[in-house]
Amino acid sequence: MPGLIRGVARTAAVAGTATAVSNRVSRRQAGRWAQQDAQQAAPAPAPSAQPPPASGSTEGKIALLKELGELKAQGVLTEEEFEEQKRQVLGG
């Protein structure tokens, strides 16, 4: 009888270890897939080109500032890039 209990305990320990390792591998792989998906889904950074020249009108400048704000909100522009572009649009 002690041999039987020892065998059952050993089997339980091996099965528990295998399950723990399998779960860890699954979590790690899921994390890698999520990271790859996030990188593929992230928009490509916009080149730091000059903004299109705003017309002399206030409406043109406002529209351009709104567009820059949307790009910043989407994460395409950093805070520094946004401020630089905004200064150029406002002429200062």
Protein backbone atom coordinates (compact mmCIF):
# COMPACT_ATOMS: atom_id res chain seq x y z
CA MET A 1 0.00 0.00 0.00
CA PRO A 2 2.79 2.57 0.75
CA GLY A 3 4.18 1.96 -2.74
CA LEU A 4 0.82 2.70 -4.29
CA ILE A 5 0.46 5.98 -2.37
CA ARG A 6 4.00 6.96 -3.29
CA GLY A 7 3.26 6.29 -6.98
CA VAL A 8 0.04 8.32 -6.87
CA ALA A 9 1.83 11.20 -5.14
CA ARG A 10 4.63 11.12 -7.71
CA THR A 11 2.12 11.13 -10.58
CA ALA A 12 0.26 14.05 -9.01
CA ALA A 13 3.51 16.00 -8.59
CA VAL A 14 4.56 15.38 -12.20
CA ALA A 15 1.12 16.29 -13.52
CA GLY A 16 1.03 19.46 -11.41
CA THR A 17 4.48 20.50 -12.60
CA ALA A 18 3.58 19.82 -16.22
CA THR A 19 0.42 21.88 -15.90
CA ALA A 20 2.27 24.78 -14.31
CA VAL A 21 4.93 24.76 -17.04
CA SER A 22 2.31 24.51 -19.78
CA ASN A 23 0.37 27.45 -18.34
CA ARG A 24 3.52 29.55 -18.09
CA VAL A 25 4.46 28.82 -21.71
CA SER A 26 0.92 29.66 -22.85
CA ARG A 27 0.93 32.98 -20.97
CA ARG A 28 4.35 33.90 -22.35
CA GLN A 29 3.31 33.06 -25.91
CA ALA A 30 0.05 35.01 -25.55
CA GLY A 31 2.05 38.00 -24.33
CA ARG A 32 4.35 37.79 -27.34
CA TRP A 33 1.40 37.59 -29.72
CA ALA A 34 -0.26 40.58 -28.05
CA GLN A 35 2.97 42.55 -28.35
CA GLN A 36 3.27 41.69 -32.04
CA ASP A 37 -0.36 42.65 -32.64
CA ALA A 38 0.18 45.98 -30.88
CA GLN A 39 3.26 46.73 -32.98
CA GLN A 40 1.45 45.89 -36.19
CA ALA A 41 -1.62 47.90 -35.23
CA ALA A 42 0.36 50.98 -34.19
CA PRO A 43 0.33 53.62 -36.89
CA ALA A 44 3.65 54.35 -38.52
CA PRO A 45 5.15 57.53 -37.12
CA ALA A 46 4.59 60.49 -39.35
CA PRO A 47 7.70 61.98 -40.86
CA SER A 48 8.63 65.22 -39.18
CA ALA A 49 7.81 67.17 -42.30
CA GLN A 50 6.64 70.72 -42.22
CA PRO A 51 2.87 71.10 -42.00
CA PRO A 52 1.18 72.21 -45.18
CA PRO A 53 1.22 75.96 -45.35
CA ALA A 54 -1.87 77.33 -43.73
CA SER A 55 -3.79 79.83 -45.69
CA GLY A 56 -3.69 83.32 -44.27
CA SER A 57 -7.22 82.82 -43.03
CA THR A 58 -8.04 82.02 -39.45
CA GLU A 59 -10.24 79.12 -40.54
CA GLY A 60 -7.29 77.45 -42.29
CA LYS A 61 -5.12 77.76 -39.20
CA ILE A 62 -7.87 76.43 -36.96
CA ALA A 63 -8.45 73.44 -39.23
CA LEU A 64 -4.72 72.69 -39.27
CA LEU A 65 -4.49 72.97 -35.47
CA LYS A 66 -7.45 70.60 -35.10
CA GLU A 67 -5.74 68.10 -37.40
CA LEU A 68 -2.51 68.37 -35.41
CA GLY A 69 -4.49 67.86 -32.19
CA GLU A 70 -6.07 64.70 -33.60
CA LEU A 71 -2.66 63.36 -34.62
CA LYS A 72 -1.38 64.04 -31.11
CA ALA A 73 -4.41 62.30 -29.58
CA GLN A 74 -3.81 59.26 -31.79
CA GLY A 75 -0.21 59.10 -30.64
CA VAL A 76 1.27 59.93 -34.03
CA LEU A 77 2.80 63.17 -32.75
CA THR A 78 4.63 63.55 -29.46
CA GLU A 79 3.97 66.54 -27.22
CA GLU A 80 7.21 68.19 -28.42
CA GLU A 81 6.39 67.62 -32.09
CA PHE A 82 2.89 68.97 -31.56
CA GLU A 83 4.18 72.14 -29.87
CA GLU A 84 6.74 72.71 -32.64
CA GLN A 85 4.13 72.30 -35.37
CA LYS A 86 1.71 74.54 -33.49
CA ARG A 87 4.33 77.30 -33.22
CA GLN A 88 4.95 77.08 -36.96
CA VAL A 89 1.25 77.29 -37.77
CA LEU A 90 0.77 80.27 -35.49
CA GLY A 91 3.83 81.97 -36.97
CA GLY A 92 5.92 82.16 -33.85
